[in-house]
Amino acid sequence: MTSTPLDLTADRPLIIEQLLLQADDLSAADAPHDQVDDLINTALELLTDQTQAVQ
């Protein structure tokens, strides 16, 4: 069985959206701010990487 690598370029917008939705859910559930911040920071890093790749 061969595994295909994650196509981060194509999946990146969906991944960013899922990270932000999860951060929103955690925030609404009064999760620790560290967890929410980590998800938001990861989404921002992916967004920044995507923006630089487009330029």
PDB file of N, CA and C in Angstrom:
ATOM      1  N   MET A   1       0.848  -1.179   0.000  1.00  0.00           N
ATOM      2  CA  MET A   1       0.000   0.000   0.000  1.00  0.00           C
ATOM      3  C   MET A   1       0.892   1.240   0.000  1.00  0.00           C
ATOM      4  N   THR A   2       0.630   2.124  -0.914  1.00  0.00           N
ATOM      5  CA  THR A   2       1.407   3.365  -0.971  1.00  0.00           C
ATOM      6  C   THR A   2       0.584   4.492  -0.397  1.00  0.00           C
ATOM      7  N   SER A   3       1.253   5.405   0.218  1.00  0.00           N
ATOM      8  CA  SER A   3       0.554   6.560   0.769  1.00  0.00           C
ATOM      9  C   SER A   3       0.873   7.776  -0.094  1.00  0.00           C
ATOM     10  N   THR A   4      -0.117   8.593  -0.272  1.00  0.00           N
ATOM     11  CA  THR A   4       0.089   9.816  -1.033  1.00  0.00           C
ATOM     12  C   THR A   4       0.342  10.947  -0.055  1.00  0.00           C
ATOM     13  N   PRO A   5       1.320  11.777  -0.361  1.00  0.00           N
ATOM     14  CA  PRO A   5       1.587  12.900   0.534  1.00  0.00           C
ATOM     15  C   PRO A   5       0.436  13.898   0.502  1.00  0.00           C
ATOM     16  N   LEU A   6       0.239  14.559   1.602  1.00  0.00           N
ATOM     17  CA  LEU A   6      -0.802  15.570   1.699  1.00  0.00           C
ATOM     18  C   LEU A   6      -0.472  16.715   0.741  1.00  0.00           C
ATOM     19  N   ASP A   7      -1.417  17.041  -0.116  1.00  0.00           N
ATOM     20  CA  ASP A   7      -1.224  18.156  -1.040  1.00  0.00           C
ATOM     21  C   ASP A   7      -1.606  19.433  -0.302  1.00  0.00           C
ATOM     22  N   LEU A   8      -0.642  19.982   0.402  1.00  0.00           N
ATOM     23  CA  LEU A   8      -0.901  21.142   1.244  1.00  0.00           C
ATOM     24  C   LEU A   8      -1.328  22.347   0.428  1.00  0.00           C
ATOM     25  N   THR A   9      -0.855  22.456  -0.803  1.00  0.00           N
ATOM     26  CA  THR A   9      -1.217  23.599  -1.631  1.00  0.00           C
ATOM     27  C   THR A   9      -2.716  23.607  -1.902  1.00  0.00           C
ATOM     28  N   ALA A  10      -3.246  22.477  -2.307  1.00  0.00           N
ATOM     29  CA  ALA A  10      -4.671  22.404  -2.625  1.00  0.00           C
ATOM     30  C   ALA A  10      -5.535  22.399  -1.370  1.00  0.00           C
ATOM     31  N   ASP A  11      -5.054  21.770  -0.320  1.00  0.00           N
ATOM     32  CA  ASP A  11      -5.850  21.608   0.903  1.00  0.00           C
ATOM     33  C   ASP A  11      -5.692  22.753   1.894  1.00  0.00           C
ATOM     34  N   ARG A  12      -4.747  23.628   1.646  1.00  0.00           N
ATOM     35  CA  ARG A  12      -4.434  24.672   2.623  1.00  0.00           C
ATOM     36  C   ARG A  12      -5.638  25.534   3.017  1.00  0.00           C
ATOM     37  N   PRO A  13      -6.452  26.033   2.089  1.00  0.00           N
ATOM     38  CA  PRO A  13      -7.602  26.851   2.529  1.00  0.00           C
ATOM     39  C   PRO A  13      -8.553  26.084   3.437  1.00  0.00           C
ATOM     40  N   LEU A  14      -8.772  24.819   3.135  1.00  0.00           N
ATOM     41  CA  LEU A  14      -9.649  24.000   3.970  1.00  0.00           C
ATOM     42  C   LEU A  14      -9.033  23.771   5.347  1.00  0.00           C
ATOM     43  N   ILE A  15      -7.737  23.534   5.389  1.00  0.00           N
ATOM     44  CA  ILE A  15      -7.044  23.327   6.660  1.00  0.00           C
ATOM     45  C   ILE A  15      -7.118  24.593   7.512  1.00  0.00           C
ATOM     46  N   ILE A  16      -6.890  25.749   6.889  1.00  0.00           N
ATOM     47  CA  ILE A  16      -6.959  27.026   7.612  1.00  0.00           C
ATOM     48  C   ILE A  16      -8.365  27.231   8.170  1.00  0.00           C
ATOM     49  N   GLU A  17      -9.366  26.965   7.345  1.00  0.00           N
ATOM     50  CA  GLU A  17     -10.745  27.122   7.788  1.00  0.00           C
ATOM     51  C   GLU A  17     -11.043  26.206   8.973  1.00  0.00           C
ATOM     52  N   GLN A  18     -10.612  24.952   8.897  1.00  0.00           N
ATOM     53  CA  GLN A  18     -10.864  24.005   9.976  1.00  0.00           C
ATOM     54  C   GLN A  18     -10.162  24.421  11.265  1.00  0.00           C
ATOM     55  N   LEU A  19      -8.935  24.918  11.149  1.00  0.00           N
ATOM     56  CA  LEU A  19      -8.210  25.387  12.333  1.00  0.00           C
ATOM     57  C   LEU A  19      -8.948  26.540  13.005  1.00  0.00           C
ATOM     58  N   LEU A  20      -9.427  27.485  12.198  1.00  0.00           N
ATOM     59  CA  LEU A  20     -10.124  28.639  12.762  1.00  0.00           C
ATOM     60  C   LEU A  20     -11.474  28.244  13.358  1.00  0.00           C
ATOM     61  N   LEU A  21     -12.169  27.310  12.723  1.00  0.00           N
ATOM     62  CA  LEU A  21     -13.437  26.837  13.282  1.00  0.00           C
ATOM     63  C   LEU A  21     -13.210  26.106  14.603  1.00  0.00           C
ATOM     64  N   GLN A  22     -12.146  25.324  14.656  1.00  0.00           N
ATOM     65  CA  GLN A  22     -11.835  24.614  15.896  1.00  0.00           C
ATOM     66  C   GLN A  22     -11.446  25.605  16.997  1.00  0.00           C
ATOM     67  N   ALA A  23     -10.696  26.633  16.640  1.00  0.00           N
ATOM     68  CA  ALA A  23     -10.329  27.661  17.621  1.00  0.00           C
ATOM     69  C   ALA A  23     -11.575  28.365  18.138  1.00  0.00           C
ATOM     70  N   ASP A  24     -12.519  28.644  17.258  1.00  0.00           N
ATOM     71  CA  ASP A  24     -13.764  29.285  17.657  1.00  0.00           C
ATOM     72  C   ASP A  24     -14.557  28.391  18.612  1.00  0.00           C
ATOM     73  N   ASP A  25     -14.626  27.103  18.273  1.00  0.00           N
ATOM     74  CA  ASP A  25     -15.338  26.155  19.150  1.00  0.00           C
ATOM     75  C   ASP A  25     -14.690  26.073  20.526  1.00  0.00           C
ATOM     76  N   LEU A  26     -13.365  26.003  20.547  1.00  0.00           N
ATOM     77  CA  LEU A  26     -12.658  25.924  21.832  1.00  0.00           C
ATOM     78  C   LEU A  26     -12.863  27.197  22.645  1.00  0.00           C
ATOM     79  N   SER A  27     -12.825  28.329  21.974  1.00  0.00           N
ATOM     80  CA  SER A  27     -13.022  29.595  22.662  1.00  0.00           C
ATOM     81  C   SER A  27     -14.427  29.666  23.271  1.00  0.00           C
ATOM     82  N   ALA A  28     -15.414  29.225  22.507  1.00  0.00           N
ATOM     83  CA  ALA A  28     -16.796  29.224  23.004  1.00  0.00           C
ATOM     84  C   ALA A  28     -16.968  28.273  24.185  1.00  0.00           C
ATOM     85  N   ALA A  29     -16.129  27.238  24.229  1.00  0.00           N
ATOM     86  CA  ALA A  29     -16.196  26.264  25.323  1.00  0.00           C
ATOM     87  C   ALA A  29     -15.296  26.659  26.498  1.00  0.00           C
ATOM     88  N   ASP A  30     -14.789  27.880  26.462  1.00  0.00           N
ATOM     89  CA  ASP A  30     -13.910  28.396  27.518  1.00  0.00           C
ATOM     90  C   ASP A  30     -12.652  27.553  27.707  1.00  0.00           C
ATOM     91  N   ALA A  31     -12.093  27.095  26.602  1.00  0.00           N
ATOM     92  CA  ALA A  31     -10.830  26.347  26.645  1.00  0.00           C
ATOM     93  C   ALA A  31      -9.698  27.305  27.021  1.00  0.00           C
ATOM     94  N   PRO A  32      -8.591  26.761  27.498  1.00  0.00           N
ATOM     95  CA  PRO A  32      -7.456  27.623  27.816  1.00  0.00           C
ATOM     96  C   PRO A  32      -7.013  28.439  26.590  1.00  0.00           C
ATOM     97  N   HIS A  33      -6.677  29.677  26.847  1.00  0.00           N
ATOM     98  CA  HIS A  33      -6.298  30.578  25.757  1.00  0.00           C
ATOM     99  C   HIS A  33      -5.094  30.061  24.973  1.00  0.00           C
ATOM    100  N   ASP A  34      -4.221  29.313  25.632  1.00  0.00           N
ATOM    101  CA  ASP A  34      -3.041  28.764  24.946  1.00  0.00           C
ATOM    102  C   ASP A  34      -3.459  27.881  23.775  1.00  0.00           C
ATOM    103  N   GLN A  35      -4.453  27.042  23.995  1.00  0.00           N
ATOM    104  CA  GLN A  35      -4.913  26.136  22.935  1.00  0.00           C
ATOM    105  C   GLN A  35      -5.506  26.907  21.766  1.00  0.00           C
ATOM    106  N   VAL A  36      -6.327  27.903  22.087  1.00  0.00           N
ATOM    107  CA  VAL A  36      -6.954  28.724  21.049  1.00  0.00           C
ATOM    108  C   VAL A  36      -5.876  29.495  20.281  1.00  0.00           C
ATOM    109  N   ASP A  37      -4.947  30.085  21.003  1.00  0.00           N
ATOM    110  CA  ASP A  37      -3.869  30.846  20.368  1.00  0.00           C
ATOM    111  C   ASP A  37      -3.012  29.969  19.458  1.00  0.00           C
ATOM    112  N   ASP A  38      -2.731  28.745  19.899  1.00  0.00           N
ATOM    113  CA  ASP A  38      -1.930  27.837  19.074  1.00  0.00           C
ATOM    114  C   ASP A  38      -2.612  27.545  17.741  1.00  0.00           C
ATOM    115  N   LEU A  39      -3.911  27.308  17.777  1.00  0.00           N
ATOM    116  CA  LEU A  39      -4.642  27.032  16.542  1.00  0.00           C
ATOM    117  C   LEU A  39      -4.657  28.255  15.625  1.00  0.00           C
ATOM    118  N   ILE A  40      -4.884  29.424  16.200  1.00  0.00           N
ATOM    119  CA  ILE A  40      -4.916  30.644  15.400  1.00  0.00           C
ATOM    120  C   ILE A  40      -3.538  30.930  14.813  1.00  0.00           C
ATOM    121  N   ASN A  41      -2.495  30.750  15.607  1.00  0.00           N
ATOM    122  CA  ASN A  41      -1.139  30.982  15.111  1.00  0.00           C
ATOM    123  C   ASN A  41      -0.778  30.017  13.987  1.00  0.00           C
ATOM    124  N   THR A  42      -1.189  28.771  14.113  1.00  0.00           N
ATOM    125  CA  THR A  42      -0.935  27.793  13.054  1.00  0.00           C
ATOM    126  C   THR A  42      -1.655  28.200  11.774  1.00  0.00           C
ATOM    127  N   ALA A  43      -2.898  28.636  11.896  1.00  0.00           N
ATOM    128  CA  ALA A  43      -3.658  29.092  10.728  1.00  0.00           C
ATOM    129  C   ALA A  43      -2.983  30.303  10.088  1.00  0.00           C
ATOM    130  N   LEU A  44      -2.502  31.223  10.910  1.00  0.00           N
ATOM    131  CA  LEU A  44      -1.815  32.407  10.381  1.00  0.00           C
ATOM    132  C   LEU A  44      -0.518  32.036   9.673  1.00  0.00           C
ATOM    133  N   GLU A  45       0.206  31.079  10.213  1.00  0.00           N
ATOM    134  CA  GLU A  45       1.433  30.625   9.562  1.00  0.00           C
ATOM    135  C   GLU A  45       1.130  30.012   8.196  1.00  0.00           C
ATOM    136  N   LEU A  46       0.100  29.192   8.131  1.00  0.00           N
ATOM    137  CA  LEU A  46      -0.284  28.600   6.854  1.00  0.00           C
ATOM    138  C   LEU A  46      -0.732  29.672   5.867  1.00  0.00           C
ATOM    139  N   LEU A  47      -1.469  30.657   6.360  1.00  0.00           N
ATOM    140  CA  LEU A  47      -1.925  31.746   5.502  1.00  0.00           C
ATOM    141  C   LEU A  47      -0.757  32.576   5.005  1.00  0.00           C
ATOM    142  N   THR A  48       0.195  32.856   5.869  1.00  0.00           N
ATOM    143  CA  THR A  48       1.383  33.618   5.483  1.00  0.00           C
ATOM    144  C   THR A  48       2.207  32.862   4.457  1.00  0.00           C
ATOM    145  N   ASP A  49       2.380  31.567   4.670  1.00  0.00           N
ATOM    146  CA  ASP A  49       3.112  30.737   3.709  1.00  0.00           C
ATOM    147  C   ASP A  49       2.416  30.747   2.357  1.00  0.00           C
ATOM    148  N   GLN A  50       1.098  30.678   2.371  1.00  0.00           N
ATOM    149  CA  GLN A  50       0.331  30.660   1.123  1.00  0.00           C
ATOM    150  C   GLN A  50       0.470  31.989   0.405  1.00  0.00           C
ATOM    151  N   THR A  51       0.414  33.088   1.143  1.00  0.00           N
ATOM    152  CA  THR A  51       0.514  34.411   0.548  1.00  0.00           C
ATOM    153  C   THR A  51       1.875  34.609  -0.102  1.00  0.00           C
ATOM    154  N   GLN A  52       2.936  34.162   0.563  1.00  0.00           N
ATOM    155  CA  GLN A  52       4.279  34.301   0.005  1.00  0.00           C
ATOM    156  C   GLN A  52       4.462  33.425  -1.227  1.00  0.00           C
ATOM    157  N   ALA A  53       3.822  32.274  -1.249  1.00  0.00           N
ATOM    158  CA  ALA A  53       3.938  31.382  -2.404  1.00  0.00           C
ATOM    159  C   ALA A  53       3.266  31.977  -3.633  1.00  0.00           C
ATOM    160  N   VAL A  54       2.198  32.746  -3.411  1.00  0.00           N
ATOM    161  CA  VAL A  54       1.480  33.361  -4.514  1.00  0.00           C
ATOM    162  C   VAL A  54       2.275  34.509  -5.111  1.00  0.00           C
ATOM    163  N   GLN A  55       3.018  35.227  -4.287  1.00  0.00           N
ATOM    164  CA  GLN A  55       3.792  36.366  -4.773  1.00  0.00           C
ATOM    165  C   GLN A  55       4.873  35.852  -5.638  1.00  0.00           C
TER     166      GLN A  55
END
